Structures are given as structure tokens and as C-alpha cells.
Amino acid sequence: MHDYSFRTKPSEIGLKPLGENPGDPSVSTAGDKDERTAPEVNVGWSRIKKSPAFWLLVVAFLFMGLVNGAILPNQVTNMTSVTVNGAKIVTGGHDPMWAGTVLSAYMVTVVIAKISLGAIYDRFGLRFGNVLGSVACIIACAALCFPATDLGPIVAAISFGIGTCMGTITPTIAASKQFGMADLGKVTGTITSLEMVGGTVGAIVSGILFDATGSFTSTWIVCLACSVAMLVFLLASEPIAAKLRASVAGE
């Protein structure tokens, strides 16, 4: 005879909430009180939508969307060539097989980064993760300006493979850590919707700039500026959100 029992809560089999370090004695079931986990204070949508911290996040991810929208459809043609009205414009000059290999390296990096970035946010905190992802985007944009070299496209592929994951991983993490879990769907939905708008704008702007200049370099310079702005807005949002949480907690 075997005795079977059923568990109704994850904690009954030793599972902890996402982001909680089971080896840290300072962590309780109420949640870690530092910035590495979601704050205990839940701000609520009525306050969040009026806070500059929220709109700084929105604009930051609008820039993230613009960068993604510009790079994703053009990263291969940046390495090879573009045919416009029957005329071939050499951009990077690499053959398609070489470009495909670099693109494969990019996709492998994305898989690894998507798994790792969440753990990095949990382990090192929101600010560290934001800086890492933003700097990766900055490096990628700079490297994309040198498509005729071998090193430029490779560095761009690996760096952007890390940076682009911010677009999917970071909105939920940033919103929960800065404002709490209340109305999380509404907060992240607003952020990602505007991010998609940025992606649309990025794709259109990249085409306009290429038609005007015959090169992607101007696009990458714009993307670099957007990546820097994204980092500034993300960093500026954190202390404002912290003051908002403190204000709500003190009521």
C-alpha cells in the first residue's frame, strides 16, 4: 500500500515566489524589501497613470520599440546589399551565407539572453539589468555602423541579441518592481502597446533614411541616440517610483 497526498499550495513542497532567493534568511513570505523583488506596496493604476515615473517608462520603451523596429528588418541587408529600382547598393558586401551565420549567432544569443536576463534582474536588481540591456543596445548600434568589417556585424549580432530581449522581458519586471503587482496587466499593456508603436515608427524611419542617404548608417546613429535616451529615462524613472511607493506606504 502506498500513501498519496495532495498539495494545494506551492509552498507546501518548498517552492518559493519567482525572484525570491531561498538561501537568503532575510527573505520572508511577504517578499524581499529591497529593489530586487516586487515591492510590498501596491501603488494602483489611479496613481500610476499620473506619475512621471510611469510615463518615463513608457517613453523609454517607445525608444526600445523604435530601435527594434529599425534593426530587426534590416540587420541582414546591412551586411549584404540592397536592390532599389533595379540598382544594387552594396551595404556590407558580405555574401548571404556569411550573413546567415551571423544571424544564427544572433538568434542563439536571444535564446540564452531571454533565459538569463530575468535571472540577472532577480540577482542584481532592476538598475543593473536596465543598464546592461541598454548598453548592449548602444554597442550594437555602434557596431552596425561598420557592416563591411567582419567584427562589426558579429559584435552587433551578439550585443543586440542581449539588448532586444529588454523589449519583452523588462516591461513586466520594471512595472512590478517599481509599482507593485496591482493593475500589473494594465500597466504593462500600456507600456508594450506604445512599444509596438515605436516599432512601427522605427521600421518606417529606417526606410526613409535609407532612401534619402543610400546607407543604413544614419539609421544606426538615430538608434544609438534612442538607446542612450532609453537608458536615461529608465534610470530617471526609478527614484521617482521609489518616492511614490514611500508616499503610498506612509498613508
C-alpha atoms as a PDB file:
ATOM      1  CA  MET A   1       0.000   0.000   0.000  1.00  0.00           C
ATOM      2  CA  HIS A   2       1.226   3.467  -0.858  1.00  0.00           C
ATOM      3  CA  ASP A   3       0.041   6.624   0.817  1.00  0.00           C
ATOM      4  CA  TYR A   4      -0.681   9.504  -1.537  1.00  0.00           C
ATOM      5  CA  SER A   5      -1.294  13.078  -0.519  1.00  0.00           C
ATOM      6  CA  PHE A   6      -2.201  16.173  -2.473  1.00  0.00           C
ATOM      7  CA  ARG A   7      -0.734  19.622  -2.072  1.00  0.00           C
ATOM      8  CA  THR A   8      -2.792  22.761  -2.598  1.00  0.00           C
ATOM      9  CA  LYS A   9      -0.032  25.386  -2.367  1.00  0.00           C
ATOM     10  CA  PRO A  10       3.468  25.530  -3.939  1.00  0.00           C
ATOM     11  CA  SER A  11       4.942  26.437  -0.549  1.00  0.00           C
ATOM     12  CA  GLU A  12       3.929  23.006   0.762  1.00  0.00           C
ATOM     13  CA  ILE A  13       6.562  21.393  -1.439  1.00  0.00           C
ATOM     14  CA  GLY A  14       9.201  24.036  -0.786  1.00  0.00           C
ATOM     15  CA  LEU A  15       8.625  26.254  -3.812  1.00  0.00           C
ATOM     16  CA  LYS A  16       9.191  29.987  -3.446  1.00  0.00           C
ATOM     17  CA  PRO A  17       7.808  33.006  -5.343  1.00  0.00           C
ATOM     18  CA  LEU A  18       9.656  33.975  -8.538  1.00  0.00           C
ATOM     19  CA  GLY A  19      12.622  36.164  -7.675  1.00  0.00           C
ATOM     20  CA  GLU A  20      12.867  35.064  -4.053  1.00  0.00           C
ATOM     21  CA  ASN A  21      16.230  33.676  -3.012  1.00  0.00           C
ATOM     22  CA  PRO A  22      15.532  30.620  -0.834  1.00  0.00           C
ATOM     23  CA  GLY A  23      19.005  30.808   0.698  1.00  0.00           C
ATOM     24  CA  ASP A  24      18.587  34.331   1.968  1.00  0.00           C
ATOM     25  CA  PRO A  25      17.372  34.305   5.591  1.00  0.00           C
ATOM     26  CA  SER A  26      16.277  37.918   5.332  1.00  0.00           C
ATOM     27  CA  VAL A  27      13.575  36.955   2.811  1.00  0.00           C
ATOM     28  CA  SER A  28      10.117  36.262   4.178  1.00  0.00           C
ATOM     29  CA  THR A  29       6.943  35.085   2.504  1.00  0.00           C
ATOM     30  CA  ALA A  30       5.855  38.713   2.354  1.00  0.00           C
ATOM     31  CA  GLY A  31       8.651  39.371  -0.119  1.00  0.00           C
ATOM     32  CA  ASP A  32      12.106  40.913  -0.086  1.00  0.00           C
ATOM     33  CA  LYS A  33      12.092  44.568   0.846  1.00  0.00           C
ATOM     34  CA  ASP A  34      14.898  45.617  -1.452  1.00  0.00           C
ATOM     35  CA  GLU A  35      14.598  46.547  -5.100  1.00  0.00           C
ATOM     36  CA  ARG A  36      15.411  43.065  -6.359  1.00  0.00           C
ATOM     37  CA  THR A  37      11.865  41.837  -5.830  1.00  0.00           C
ATOM     38  CA  ALA A  38       8.445  43.337  -6.340  1.00  0.00           C
ATOM     39  CA  PRO A  39       7.729  45.968  -3.675  1.00  0.00           C
ATOM     40  CA  GLU A  40       5.229  45.194  -0.938  1.00  0.00           C
ATOM     41  CA  VAL A  41       3.495  48.496  -1.652  1.00  0.00           C
ATOM     42  CA  ASN A  42       0.974  48.299  -4.485  1.00  0.00           C
ATOM     43  CA  VAL A  43       0.514  51.761  -5.945  1.00  0.00           C
ATOM     44  CA  GLY A  44      -2.554  51.161  -8.114  1.00  0.00           C
ATOM     45  CA  TRP A  45      -3.434  52.388 -11.589  1.00  0.00           C
ATOM     46  CA  SER A  46      -5.136  55.614 -10.463  1.00  0.00           C
ATOM     47  CA  ARG A  47      -1.820  56.860  -9.047  1.00  0.00           C
ATOM     48  CA  ILE A  48       0.486  55.180 -11.543  1.00  0.00           C
ATOM     49  CA  LYS A  49      -1.040  56.851 -14.590  1.00  0.00           C
ATOM     50  CA  LYS A  50      -0.439  60.273 -13.015  1.00  0.00           C
ATOM     51  CA  SER A  51       3.170  59.561 -12.066  1.00  0.00           C
ATOM     52  CA  PRO A  52       6.117  60.831 -14.142  1.00  0.00           C
ATOM     53  CA  ALA A  53       7.855  57.544 -13.287  1.00  0.00           C
ATOM     54  CA  PHE A  54       5.302  55.622 -15.336  1.00  0.00           C
ATOM     55  CA  TRP A  55       5.489  57.911 -18.350  1.00  0.00           C
ATOM     56  CA  LEU A  56       9.271  57.830 -18.255  1.00  0.00           C
ATOM     57  CA  LEU A  57       8.981  54.045 -18.534  1.00  0.00           C
ATOM     58  CA  VAL A  58       6.519  54.375 -21.399  1.00  0.00           C
ATOM     59  CA  VAL A  59       8.806  56.697 -23.362  1.00  0.00           C
ATOM     60  CA  ALA A  60      11.838  54.507 -22.621  1.00  0.00           C
ATOM     61  CA  PHE A  61      10.123  51.502 -24.169  1.00  0.00           C
ATOM     62  CA  LEU A  62       8.848  53.602 -27.041  1.00  0.00           C
ATOM     63  CA  PHE A  63      12.530  54.142 -27.829  1.00  0.00           C
ATOM     64  CA  MET A  64      13.168  50.422 -27.331  1.00  0.00           C
ATOM     65  CA  GLY A  65      10.463  49.658 -29.870  1.00  0.00           C
ATOM     66  CA  LEU A  66      11.932  52.141 -32.326  1.00  0.00           C
ATOM     67  CA  VAL A  67      15.356  50.501 -32.051  1.00  0.00           C
ATOM     68  CA  ASN A  68      13.880  47.027 -32.522  1.00  0.00           C
ATOM     69  CA  GLY A  69      11.737  48.158 -35.435  1.00  0.00           C
ATOM     70  CA  ALA A  70      14.728  49.640 -37.227  1.00  0.00           C
ATOM     71  CA  ILE A  71      17.248  46.863 -36.628  1.00  0.00           C
ATOM     72  CA  LEU A  72      15.224  43.661 -36.942  1.00  0.00           C
ATOM     73  CA  PRO A  73      14.155  44.009 -40.607  1.00  0.00           C
ATOM     74  CA  ASN A  74      17.480  45.477 -41.751  1.00  0.00           C
ATOM     75  CA  GLN A  75      20.217  43.583 -39.960  1.00  0.00           C
ATOM     76  CA  VAL A  76      20.806  41.116 -42.818  1.00  0.00           C
ATOM     77  CA  THR A  77      20.656  43.664 -45.648  1.00  0.00           C
ATOM     78  CA  ASN A  78      23.048  45.826 -43.640  1.00  0.00           C
ATOM     79  CA  MET A  79      25.610  43.033 -44.002  1.00  0.00           C
ATOM     80  CA  THR A  80      24.974  42.267 -47.681  1.00  0.00           C
ATOM     81  CA  SER A  81      23.350  44.562 -50.252  1.00  0.00           C
ATOM     82  CA  VAL A  82      20.059  46.183 -51.220  1.00  0.00           C
ATOM     83  CA  THR A  83      18.457  46.426 -54.658  1.00  0.00           C
ATOM     84  CA  VAL A  84      16.499  49.641 -55.216  1.00  0.00           C
ATOM     85  CA  ASN A  85      14.713  50.197 -58.541  1.00  0.00           C
ATOM     86  CA  GLY A  86      16.933  47.621 -60.182  1.00  0.00           C
ATOM     87  CA  ALA A  87      20.147  49.171 -58.888  1.00  0.00           C
ATOM     88  CA  LYS A  88      22.244  47.167 -56.431  1.00  0.00           C
ATOM     89  CA  ILE A  89      23.528  49.143 -53.453  1.00  0.00           C
ATOM     90  CA  VAL A  90      26.313  47.386 -51.583  1.00  0.00           C
ATOM     91  CA  THR A  91      25.945  47.968 -47.851  1.00  0.00           C
ATOM     92  CA  GLY A  92      28.190  45.453 -46.106  1.00  0.00           C
ATOM     93  CA  GLY A  93      29.317  43.409 -49.085  1.00  0.00           C
ATOM     94  CA  HIS A  94      29.241  40.059 -47.290  1.00  0.00           C
ATOM     95  CA  ASP A  95      27.768  37.020 -49.003  1.00  0.00           C
ATOM     96  CA  PRO A  96      24.351  35.739 -47.851  1.00  0.00           C
ATOM     97  CA  MET A  97      25.770  32.563 -46.299  1.00  0.00           C
ATOM     98  CA  TRP A  98      28.097  34.547 -44.051  1.00  0.00           C
ATOM     99  CA  ALA A  99      25.268  36.888 -43.111  1.00  0.00           C
ATOM    100  CA  GLY A 100      23.048  33.894 -42.332  1.00  0.00           C
ATOM    101  CA  THR A 101      25.680  32.505 -39.985  1.00  0.00           C
ATOM    102  CA  VAL A 102      25.856  35.821 -38.127  1.00  0.00           C
ATOM    103  CA  LEU A 103      22.057  35.912 -37.938  1.00  0.00           C
ATOM    104  CA  SER A 104      22.106  32.406 -36.441  1.00  0.00           C
ATOM    105  CA  ALA A 105      24.533  33.629 -33.781  1.00  0.00           C
ATOM    106  CA  TYR A 106      22.100  36.451 -33.048  1.00  0.00           C
ATOM    107  CA  MET A 107      19.180  34.043 -32.602  1.00  0.00           C
ATOM    108  CA  VAL A 108      21.189  31.757 -30.309  1.00  0.00           C
ATOM    109  CA  THR A 109      22.127  34.804 -28.228  1.00  0.00           C
ATOM    110  CA  VAL A 110      18.454  35.788 -27.975  1.00  0.00           C
ATOM    111  CA  VAL A 111      17.521  32.349 -26.628  1.00  0.00           C
ATOM    112  CA  ILE A 112      20.252  32.472 -23.989  1.00  0.00           C
ATOM    113  CA  ALA A 113      19.582  36.113 -23.100  1.00  0.00           C
ATOM    114  CA  LYS A 114      15.848  35.595 -22.641  1.00  0.00           C
ATOM    115  CA  ILE A 115      16.568  32.881 -20.102  1.00  0.00           C
ATOM    116  CA  SER A 116      19.360  34.792 -18.391  1.00  0.00           C
ATOM    117  CA  LEU A 117      18.018  38.340 -18.283  1.00  0.00           C
ATOM    118  CA  GLY A 118      15.208  37.561 -15.852  1.00  0.00           C
ATOM    119  CA  ALA A 119      17.683  35.857 -13.527  1.00  0.00           C
ATOM    120  CA  ILE A 120      20.002  38.857 -13.813  1.00  0.00           C
ATOM    121  CA  TYR A 121      17.191  41.199 -12.773  1.00  0.00           C
ATOM    122  CA  ASP A 122      16.403  38.964  -9.791  1.00  0.00           C
ATOM    123  CA  ARG A 123      20.020  38.559  -8.750  1.00  0.00           C
ATOM    124  CA  PHE A 124      21.459  42.024  -9.357  1.00  0.00           C
ATOM    125  CA  GLY A 125      18.437  44.310  -9.358  1.00  0.00           C
ATOM    126  CA  LEU A 126      16.436  46.439 -11.749  1.00  0.00           C
ATOM    127  CA  ARG A 127      19.047  49.128 -12.307  1.00  0.00           C
ATOM    128  CA  PHE A 128      21.814  46.687 -13.208  1.00  0.00           C
ATOM    129  CA  GLY A 129      19.584  44.853 -15.679  1.00  0.00           C
ATOM    130  CA  ASN A 130      18.438  48.093 -17.292  1.00  0.00           C
ATOM    131  CA  VAL A 131      21.996  49.343 -17.682  1.00  0.00           C
ATOM    132  CA  LEU A 132      23.154  46.007 -19.101  1.00  0.00           C
ATOM    133  CA  GLY A 133      20.400  45.840 -21.710  1.00  0.00           C
ATOM    134  CA  SER A 134      20.680  49.493 -22.701  1.00  0.00           C
ATOM    135  CA  VAL A 135      24.464  49.391 -23.022  1.00  0.00           C
ATOM    136  CA  ALA A 136      24.121  46.257 -25.154  1.00  0.00           C
ATOM    137  CA  CYS A 137      21.814  48.200 -27.496  1.00  0.00           C
ATOM    138  CA  ILE A 138      24.263  51.113 -27.623  1.00  0.00           C
ATOM    139  CA  ILE A 139      27.151  48.793 -28.513  1.00  0.00           C
ATOM    140  CA  ALA A 140      25.027  47.064 -31.155  1.00  0.00           C
ATOM    141  CA  CYS A 141      24.080  50.358 -32.822  1.00  0.00           C
ATOM    142  CA  ALA A 142      27.703  51.484 -32.897  1.00  0.00           C
ATOM    143  CA  ALA A 143      28.851  48.153 -34.356  1.00  0.00           C
ATOM    144  CA  LEU A 144      26.153  48.239 -37.042  1.00  0.00           C
ATOM    145  CA  CYS A 145      27.834  51.352 -38.449  1.00  0.00           C
ATOM    146  CA  PHE A 146      30.705  49.122 -39.653  1.00  0.00           C
ATOM    147  CA  PRO A 147      28.948  46.481 -41.784  1.00  0.00           C
ATOM    148  CA  ALA A 148      31.826  45.986 -44.230  1.00  0.00           C
ATOM    149  CA  THR A 149      34.069  44.610 -41.476  1.00  0.00           C
ATOM    150  CA  ASP A 150      33.868  41.092 -40.082  1.00  0.00           C
ATOM    151  CA  LEU A 151      33.882  42.197 -36.449  1.00  0.00           C
ATOM    152  CA  GLY A 152      31.151  44.847 -36.685  1.00  0.00           C
ATOM    153  CA  PRO A 153      28.248  42.554 -37.664  1.00  0.00           C
ATOM    154  CA  ILE A 154      29.325  39.871 -35.182  1.00  0.00           C
ATOM    155  CA  VAL A 155      29.536  42.312 -32.263  1.00  0.00           C
ATOM    156  CA  ALA A 156      26.220  43.826 -33.335  1.00  0.00           C
ATOM    157  CA  ALA A 157      24.528  40.416 -33.508  1.00  0.00           C
ATOM    158  CA  ILE A 158      25.631  39.343 -30.037  1.00  0.00           C
ATOM    159  CA  SER A 159      25.021  42.725 -28.407  1.00  0.00           C
ATOM    160  CA  PHE A 160      21.619  43.209 -29.993  1.00  0.00           C
ATOM    161  CA  GLY A 161      20.725  39.626 -29.113  1.00  0.00           C
ATOM    162  CA  ILE A 162      21.054  40.709 -25.489  1.00  0.00           C
ATOM    163  CA  GLY A 163      19.579  44.182 -25.822  1.00  0.00           C
ATOM    164  CA  THR A 164      16.481  43.272 -27.810  1.00  0.00           C
ATOM    165  CA  CYS A 165      15.284  40.994 -25.002  1.00  0.00           C
ATOM    166  CA  MET A 166      14.560  44.090 -22.929  1.00  0.00           C
ATOM    167  CA  GLY A 167      11.547  44.656 -25.140  1.00  0.00           C
ATOM    168  CA  THR A 168       9.825  41.503 -23.917  1.00  0.00           C
ATOM    169  CA  ILE A 169      11.378  40.793 -20.514  1.00  0.00           C
ATOM    170  CA  THR A 170      11.745  44.208 -18.909  1.00  0.00           C
ATOM    171  CA  PRO A 171       8.291  45.872 -19.065  1.00  0.00           C
ATOM    172  CA  THR A 172       6.667  43.433 -16.634  1.00  0.00           C
ATOM    173  CA  ILE A 173       9.707  43.293 -14.356  1.00  0.00           C
ATOM    174  CA  ALA A 174      10.118  47.077 -14.245  1.00  0.00           C
ATOM    175  CA  ALA A 175       6.415  47.683 -13.662  1.00  0.00           C
ATOM    176  CA  SER A 176       6.136  45.137 -10.843  1.00  0.00           C
ATOM    177  CA  LYS A 177       9.309  46.244  -9.086  1.00  0.00           C
ATOM    178  CA  GLN A 178       8.524  49.951  -9.316  1.00  0.00           C
ATOM    179  CA  PHE A 179       4.755  49.965  -8.754  1.00  0.00           C
ATOM    180  CA  GLY A 180       3.814  46.603  -7.253  1.00  0.00           C
ATOM    181  CA  MET A 181       1.532  43.894  -8.578  1.00  0.00           C
ATOM    182  CA  ALA A 182      -1.750  45.816  -8.512  1.00  0.00           C
ATOM    183  CA  ASP A 183      -3.093  46.537 -12.021  1.00  0.00           C
ATOM    184  CA  LEU A 184       0.059  44.981 -13.486  1.00  0.00           C
ATOM    185  CA  GLY A 185      -1.726  43.922 -16.663  1.00  0.00           C
ATOM    186  CA  LYS A 186      -2.977  47.429 -17.333  1.00  0.00           C
ATOM    187  CA  VAL A 187       0.440  48.950 -16.676  1.00  0.00           C
ATOM    188  CA  THR A 188       2.418  46.529 -18.840  1.00  0.00           C
ATOM    189  CA  GLY A 189      -0.263  46.563 -21.522  1.00  0.00           C
ATOM    190  CA  THR A 190       0.068  50.321 -21.874  1.00  0.00           C
ATOM    191  CA  ILE A 191       3.854  50.124 -21.959  1.00  0.00           C
ATOM    192  CA  THR A 192       4.010  47.359 -24.572  1.00  0.00           C
ATOM    193  CA  SER A 193       1.336  48.978 -26.739  1.00  0.00           C
ATOM    194  CA  LEU A 194       3.421  52.136 -27.022  1.00  0.00           C
ATOM    195  CA  GLU A 195       6.486  49.975 -27.595  1.00  0.00           C
ATOM    196  CA  MET A 196       4.762  48.476 -30.644  1.00  0.00           C
ATOM    197  CA  VAL A 197       4.045  51.986 -31.895  1.00  0.00           C
ATOM    198  CA  GLY A 198       7.766  52.677 -31.600  1.00  0.00           C
ATOM    199  CA  GLY A 199       8.498  49.541 -33.617  1.00  0.00           C
ATOM    200  CA  THR A 200       6.238  50.727 -36.418  1.00  0.00           C
ATOM    201  CA  VAL A 201       7.871  54.150 -36.446  1.00  0.00           C
ATOM    202  CA  GLY A 202      11.349  52.599 -36.419  1.00  0.00           C
ATOM    203  CA  ALA A 203      10.661  50.458 -39.476  1.00  0.00           C
ATOM    204  CA  ILE A 204       9.257  53.416 -41.417  1.00  0.00           C
ATOM    205  CA  VAL A 205      12.023  55.825 -40.409  1.00  0.00           C
ATOM    206  CA  SER A 206      14.751  53.335 -41.336  1.00  0.00           C
ATOM    207  CA  GLY A 207      13.304  53.035 -44.837  1.00  0.00           C
ATOM    208  CA  ILE A 208      13.003  56.796 -45.270  1.00  0.00           C
ATOM    209  CA  LEU A 209      16.579  57.377 -44.108  1.00  0.00           C
ATOM    210  CA  PHE A 210      17.950  54.667 -46.391  1.00  0.00           C
ATOM    211  CA  ASP A 211      16.120  56.087 -49.406  1.00  0.00           C
ATOM    212  CA  ALA A 212      17.479  59.534 -48.591  1.00  0.00           C
ATOM    213  CA  THR A 213      21.099  58.541 -47.948  1.00  0.00           C
ATOM    214  CA  GLY A 214      21.648  55.178 -49.642  1.00  0.00           C
ATOM    215  CA  SER A 215      23.067  53.858 -46.377  1.00  0.00           C
ATOM    216  CA  PHE A 216      21.872  52.487 -43.045  1.00  0.00           C
ATOM    217  CA  THR A 217      24.453  54.464 -41.067  1.00  0.00           C
ATOM    218  CA  SER A 218      22.120  57.370 -40.343  1.00  0.00           C
ATOM    219  CA  THR A 219      19.536  54.882 -39.050  1.00  0.00           C
ATOM    220  CA  TRP A 220      22.039  53.328 -36.655  1.00  0.00           C
ATOM    221  CA  ILE A 221      23.044  56.760 -35.362  1.00  0.00           C
ATOM    222  CA  VAL A 222      19.390  57.526 -34.631  1.00  0.00           C
ATOM    223  CA  CYS A 223      19.045  54.141 -32.916  1.00  0.00           C
ATOM    224  CA  LEU A 224      22.152  54.818 -30.835  1.00  0.00           C
ATOM    225  CA  ALA A 225      20.678  58.117 -29.660  1.00  0.00           C
ATOM    226  CA  CYS A 226      17.395  56.358 -28.840  1.00  0.00           C
ATOM    227  CA  SER A 227      19.267  53.697 -26.845  1.00  0.00           C
ATOM    228  CA  VAL A 228      21.023  56.372 -24.793  1.00  0.00           C
ATOM    229  CA  ALA A 229      17.712  58.156 -24.222  1.00  0.00           C
ATOM    230  CA  MET A 230      16.127  54.848 -23.192  1.00  0.00           C
ATOM    231  CA  LEU A 231      18.801  54.317 -20.547  1.00  0.00           C
ATOM    232  CA  VAL A 232      18.419  57.863 -19.208  1.00  0.00           C
ATOM    233  CA  PHE A 233      14.636  57.549 -18.968  1.00  0.00           C
ATOM    234  CA  LEU A 234      14.819  54.139 -17.270  1.00  0.00           C
ATOM    235  CA  LEU A 235      17.288  55.396 -14.668  1.00  0.00           C
ATOM    236  CA  ALA A 236      15.268  58.574 -14.090  1.00  0.00           C
ATOM    237  CA  SER A 237      12.093  56.566 -13.510  1.00  0.00           C
ATOM    238  CA  GLU A 238      13.435  54.517 -10.583  1.00  0.00           C
ATOM    239  CA  PRO A 239      13.896  57.197  -7.873  1.00  0.00           C
ATOM    240  CA  ILE A 240      10.580  58.831  -8.751  1.00  0.00           C
ATOM    241  CA  ALA A 241       8.826  55.474  -8.412  1.00  0.00           C
ATOM    242  CA  ALA A 242      10.585  54.886  -5.080  1.00  0.00           C
ATOM    243  CA  LYS A 243       9.249  58.205  -3.746  1.00  0.00           C
ATOM    244  CA  LEU A 244       5.772  57.299  -4.954  1.00  0.00           C
ATOM    245  CA  ARG A 245       5.900  53.943  -3.140  1.00  0.00           C
ATOM    246  CA  ALA A 246       7.121  55.653   0.023  1.00  0.00           C
ATOM    247  CA  SER A 247       4.270  58.153  -0.203  1.00  0.00           C
ATOM    248  CA  VAL A 248       1.685  55.390  -0.611  1.00  0.00           C
ATOM    249  CA  ALA A 249       3.220  53.351   2.212  1.00  0.00           C
ATOM    250  CA  GLY A 250       3.094  56.343   4.543  1.00  0.00           C
ATOM    251  CA  GLU A 251      -0.629  56.859   4.128  1.00  0.00           C
END
